[in-house]
Amino acid sequence: MIVSASSLFFRHPGAEKDTLKDLTFSVREGELLCLLGVNGSGKSTLLALLAGLFAPRSGSLTVAGNELPREASKLRGKAALVPQDPDVYILGSLVEEDLLLGIDASDQAGKERALGFARIFGLERALDQPVHTLSHGQKRKLCLASALAALPEILLLDEPFAGLDHPSSMAVRESLARNKAAGLTQVVVGHDLDLMADLADSFMLMQDGGIIASGDKTDVFPRLLEAGVRPPCSWFTGGGPAWL
């Protein structure tokens, strides 16, 4: 298992209650796990723990062979977190500068790999543009290209479809499919299940910081509405993905 958590608890400093409560789960290498739940259910906080940014209050957590928080520093380069707000992730002033920040200046293969991801996401003509001139969707794709260029072992995506138009959503969806075919482990937080339900290997439904259902769609989808999450249209119609 590339991720293994047991009786995991987390509480933000100064908070009176735990944000995450008694989480026990695992993620197989190469799996695409979809984290579900309404806002405030603990999904983004869990991603931050998996990236080594937060330390559990109690319980055990191992990610990519590293016990957290003791070995959190070893996760650098292994776990890539792409937050919902791209401006939190972007550090460079120009598109190409930001794209190459995680690549060593002497790593020509890494540079070519990063520029290849820029082409995949349609950013090749924007490389010399100031980052602030990009649209929200372009910024999201820049963040994803930068994360993938670092060749992580696990990709953590927080609401990758939020605020995207249809072409950009399709580009992100295609990226998830490519990553899955390449064997990259992905943990994706999302509300629009129509865009990714058929790609996910498993689902984990969270409510009030705990896990109320996990497994495949037959285990999780019947409980989505009671947790405030809209099931994909195909679940109601019995047809294929609604975006086709």
Protein backbone atom coordinates (compact mmCIF):
# COMPACT_ATOMS: atom_id res chain seq x y z
CA MET A 1 0.00 0.00 0.00
CA ILE A 2 1.33 3.42 -0.91
CA VAL A 3 -0.88 5.02 1.78
CA SER A 4 -1.80 3.41 5.06
CA ALA A 5 -3.66 5.19 7.87
CA SER A 6 -4.87 3.75 11.16
CA SER A 7 -6.96 5.49 13.85
CA LEU A 8 -5.87 8.87 12.47
CA PHE A 9 -6.90 12.02 14.36
CA PHE A 10 -6.08 15.65 13.57
CA ARG A 11 -6.97 18.92 15.29
CA HIS A 12 -6.04 22.40 14.10
CA PRO A 13 -4.05 24.45 16.65
CA GLY A 14 -6.41 26.28 18.99
CA ALA A 15 -9.45 24.28 17.89
CA GLU A 16 -11.66 22.61 20.47
CA LYS A 17 -12.69 19.68 18.29
CA ASP A 18 -10.89 17.29 15.96
CA THR A 19 -11.12 18.00 12.25
CA LEU A 20 -10.35 14.37 11.37
CA LYS A 21 -11.66 11.57 13.56
CA ASP A 22 -10.48 7.98 13.72
CA LEU A 23 -9.66 7.52 10.01
CA THR A 24 -8.50 4.07 8.96
CA PHE A 25 -7.96 3.44 5.26
CA SER A 26 -5.37 2.48 2.65
CA VAL A 27 -4.58 3.31 -0.96
CA ARG A 28 -3.04 0.84 -3.38
CA GLU A 29 -0.20 1.88 -5.64
CA GLY A 30 -1.60 3.06 -8.99
CA GLU A 31 -5.11 3.53 -7.57
CA LEU A 32 -7.32 6.55 -8.23
CA LEU A 33 -9.19 7.27 -5.01
CA CYS A 34 -11.99 9.84 -5.07
CA LEU A 35 -12.58 11.68 -1.78
CA LEU A 36 -16.18 12.86 -1.39
CA GLY A 37 -18.08 14.98 1.10
CA VAL A 38 -19.59 18.42 1.58
CA ASN A 39 -17.47 21.46 2.37
CA GLY A 40 -16.00 21.18 5.84
CA SER A 41 -16.05 17.39 5.97
CA GLY A 42 -12.24 17.20 6.22
CA LYS A 43 -11.20 16.30 2.67
CA SER A 44 -8.69 19.12 2.09
CA THR A 45 -7.25 18.66 5.56
CA LEU A 46 -6.68 14.99 4.82
CA LEU A 47 -4.85 15.88 1.59
CA ALA A 48 -2.58 18.20 3.57
CA LEU A 49 -1.76 15.37 5.98
CA LEU A 50 -0.98 13.03 3.09
CA ALA A 51 1.38 15.68 1.69
CA GLY A 52 3.18 15.94 5.02
CA LEU A 53 2.08 19.54 5.61
CA PHE A 54 0.18 18.75 8.83
CA ALA A 55 1.05 16.31 11.60
CA PRO A 56 -1.55 13.89 12.99
CA ARG A 57 -2.60 14.37 16.61
CA SER A 58 -2.64 10.61 17.06
CA GLY A 59 -2.74 7.42 15.05
CA SER A 60 -0.38 6.19 12.35
CA LEU A 61 0.11 7.41 8.78
CA THR A 62 2.53 6.11 6.16
CA VAL A 63 2.81 7.65 2.69
CA ALA A 64 5.15 6.31 -0.02
CA GLY A 65 7.07 4.33 2.58
CA ASN A 66 7.54 7.29 4.92
CA GLU A 67 6.12 7.36 8.42
CA LEU A 68 4.51 10.72 9.14
CA PRO A 69 5.26 13.13 10.68
CA ARG A 70 8.71 11.71 11.54
CA GLU A 71 9.76 11.31 7.90
CA ALA A 72 7.72 14.13 6.37
CA SER A 73 10.84 15.75 4.85
CA LYS A 74 11.41 12.63 2.74
CA LEU A 75 8.06 13.15 1.01
CA ARG A 76 9.42 16.09 -0.97
CA GLY A 77 9.39 14.98 -4.59
CA LYS A 78 7.27 11.92 -3.80
CA ALA A 79 3.92 13.52 -2.98
CA ALA A 80 2.63 16.45 -5.05
CA LEU A 81 -0.31 18.45 -3.71
CA VAL A 82 -2.20 20.69 -6.14
CA PRO A 83 -4.55 22.88 -4.07
CA GLN A 84 -7.89 24.21 -5.24
CA ASP A 85 -6.60 27.80 -5.40
CA PRO A 86 -3.84 27.90 -8.06
CA ASP A 87 -2.47 31.21 -6.74
CA VAL A 88 -1.37 29.38 -3.58
CA TYR A 89 0.77 27.02 -5.67
CA ILE A 90 2.24 29.40 -8.27
CA LEU A 91 5.53 31.06 -7.29
CA GLY A 92 7.18 32.09 -10.57
CA SER A 93 6.56 35.41 -12.28
CA LEU A 94 6.54 33.96 -15.82
CA VAL A 95 4.80 30.77 -16.91
CA GLU A 96 8.01 28.97 -17.94
CA GLU A 97 9.77 30.11 -14.78
CA ASP A 98 7.04 28.65 -12.60
CA LEU A 99 6.87 25.47 -14.66
CA LEU A 100 10.59 24.81 -14.17
CA LEU A 101 10.92 25.78 -10.51
CA GLY A 102 11.00 22.15 -9.39
CA ILE A 103 13.49 21.10 -12.07
CA ASP A 104 17.26 21.34 -11.53
CA ALA A 105 18.89 23.77 -13.97
CA SER A 106 21.22 21.01 -15.21
CA ASP A 107 18.38 18.50 -15.73
CA GLN A 108 17.75 18.81 -19.47
CA ALA A 109 15.52 15.74 -19.52
CA GLY A 110 13.43 17.24 -16.71
CA LYS A 111 13.12 20.52 -18.59
CA GLU A 112 11.97 18.74 -21.73
CA ARG A 113 9.50 16.72 -19.67
CA ALA A 114 8.07 19.90 -18.11
CA LEU A 115 7.75 21.59 -21.49
CA GLY A 116 6.05 18.45 -22.77
CA PHE A 117 3.39 18.76 -20.07
CA ALA A 118 2.99 22.43 -21.02
CA ARG A 119 2.20 21.32 -24.58
CA ILE A 120 -0.25 18.69 -23.35
CA PHE A 121 -2.15 21.37 -21.42
CA GLY A 122 -2.02 23.92 -24.23
CA LEU A 123 0.40 26.30 -22.49
CA GLU A 124 3.27 26.22 -25.00
CA ARG A 125 2.34 29.62 -26.43
CA ALA A 126 2.08 31.19 -22.99
CA LEU A 127 5.53 30.29 -21.68
CA ASP A 128 6.84 33.87 -21.80
CA GLN A 129 3.67 35.40 -20.36
CA PRO A 130 3.43 36.83 -16.83
CA VAL A 131 1.55 34.33 -14.70
CA HIS A 132 -1.00 36.92 -13.61
CA THR A 133 -2.23 37.25 -17.21
CA LEU A 134 -3.40 33.61 -17.29
CA SER A 135 -7.03 32.69 -16.84
CA HIS A 136 -8.11 30.67 -13.82
CA GLY A 137 -8.27 27.53 -15.96
CA GLN A 138 -4.79 28.12 -17.40
CA LYS A 139 -3.39 28.59 -13.90
CA ARG A 140 -4.96 25.30 -12.82
CA LYS A 141 -3.37 23.54 -15.78
CA LEU A 142 0.01 25.18 -15.07
CA CYS A 143 -0.11 23.86 -11.50
CA LEU A 144 -0.92 20.37 -12.73
CA ALA A 145 1.81 20.46 -15.39
CA SER A 146 4.36 21.60 -12.80
CA ALA A 147 3.35 18.86 -10.35
CA LEU A 148 3.51 16.10 -12.97
CA ALA A 149 6.88 17.30 -14.28
CA ALA A 150 8.40 16.46 -10.89
CA LEU A 151 7.44 12.77 -11.40
CA PRO A 152 5.70 12.26 -8.04
CA GLU A 153 4.76 8.85 -6.71
CA ILE A 154 1.41 10.13 -5.51
CA LEU A 155 -0.63 13.06 -6.87
CA LEU A 156 -3.04 14.83 -4.51
CA LEU A 157 -5.64 16.97 -6.28
CA ASP A 158 -8.05 19.26 -4.44
CA GLU A 159 -11.11 20.05 -6.57
CA PRO A 160 -9.27 19.92 -9.93
CA PHE A 161 -12.45 20.74 -11.92
CA ALA A 162 -13.61 23.71 -9.82
CA GLY A 163 -14.19 26.83 -11.93
CA LEU A 164 -13.16 25.24 -15.23
CA ASP A 165 -15.00 25.50 -18.52
CA HIS A 166 -15.83 22.36 -20.48
CA PRO A 167 -12.62 22.19 -22.62
CA SER A 168 -10.43 22.71 -19.55
CA SER A 169 -12.41 20.11 -17.59
CA MET A 170 -11.87 17.64 -20.41
CA ALA A 171 -8.13 18.39 -20.41
CA VAL A 172 -7.93 17.66 -16.69
CA ARG A 173 -10.04 14.53 -17.08
CA GLU A 174 -7.73 13.30 -19.86
CA SER A 175 -4.77 13.95 -17.58
CA LEU A 176 -6.32 11.80 -14.84
CA ALA A 177 -6.85 9.02 -17.36
CA ARG A 178 -3.25 9.27 -18.65
CA ASN A 179 -1.87 9.25 -15.13
CA LYS A 180 -3.94 6.20 -14.28
CA ALA A 181 -2.73 4.36 -17.38
CA ALA A 182 0.84 5.21 -16.39
CA GLY A 183 0.32 3.73 -12.91
CA LEU A 184 0.45 6.99 -10.95
CA THR A 185 -1.40 6.91 -7.62
CA GLN A 186 -3.97 9.72 -7.44
CA VAL A 187 -6.15 10.96 -4.59
CA VAL A 188 -8.74 13.39 -5.93
CA VAL A 189 -11.18 15.58 -4.00
CA GLY A 190 -14.21 16.40 -6.09
CA HIS A 191 -17.88 17.31 -6.13
CA ASP A 192 -18.66 16.77 -9.82
CA LEU A 193 -18.72 13.00 -10.02
CA ASP A 194 -19.96 13.06 -13.62
CA LEU A 195 -16.43 14.00 -14.68
CA MET A 196 -14.54 11.25 -12.90
CA ALA A 197 -16.78 8.53 -11.46
CA ASP A 198 -15.89 6.12 -14.27
CA LEU A 199 -12.14 6.73 -13.78
CA ALA A 200 -12.04 6.14 -10.03
CA ASP A 201 -11.03 2.76 -8.66
CA SER A 202 -12.51 3.49 -5.24
CA PHE A 203 -14.39 6.14 -3.30
CA MET A 204 -14.27 7.40 0.27
CA LEU A 205 -17.20 9.40 1.64
CA MET A 206 -16.45 11.75 4.54
CA GLN A 207 -18.79 13.50 6.95
CA ASP A 208 -17.89 15.64 9.97
CA GLY A 209 -14.27 14.49 9.80
CA GLY A 210 -15.00 10.77 9.70
CA ILE A 211 -15.42 8.11 7.03
CA ILE A 212 -19.00 6.95 6.63
CA ALA A 213 -18.58 4.77 3.52
CA SER A 214 -15.71 3.49 1.39
CA GLY A 215 -15.19 1.04 -1.44
CA ASP A 216 -16.54 0.89 -4.98
CA LYS A 217 -19.59 2.75 -6.30
CA THR A 218 -22.03 0.10 -5.10
CA ASP A 219 -20.74 0.60 -1.55
CA VAL A 220 -20.63 4.41 -1.59
CA PHE A 221 -23.10 5.89 -4.09
CA PRO A 222 -26.28 4.80 -2.24
CA ARG A 223 -25.14 6.94 0.71
CA LEU A 224 -24.15 10.08 -1.21
CA LEU A 225 -27.46 11.93 -0.95
CA GLU A 226 -27.74 11.47 2.80
CA ALA A 227 -24.26 13.03 3.08
CA GLY A 228 -25.21 15.97 0.85
CA VAL A 229 -23.30 14.85 -2.25
CA ARG A 230 -25.00 14.63 -5.65
CA PRO A 231 -24.49 11.24 -7.32
CA PRO A 232 -23.47 11.25 -11.00
CA CYS A 233 -26.35 11.39 -13.47
CA SER A 234 -25.43 7.96 -14.78
CA TRP A 235 -26.26 6.51 -11.36
CA PHE A 236 -29.87 7.60 -11.83
CA THR A 237 -30.19 6.82 -15.54
CA GLY A 238 -28.19 3.62 -15.71
CA GLY A 239 -26.38 5.01 -18.75
CA GLY A 240 -22.82 6.08 -19.44
CA PRO A 241 -21.02 9.16 -18.15
CA ALA A 242 -23.24 12.24 -18.47
CA TRP A 243 -20.53 14.26 -20.21
CA LEU A 244 -20.57 12.03 -23.34
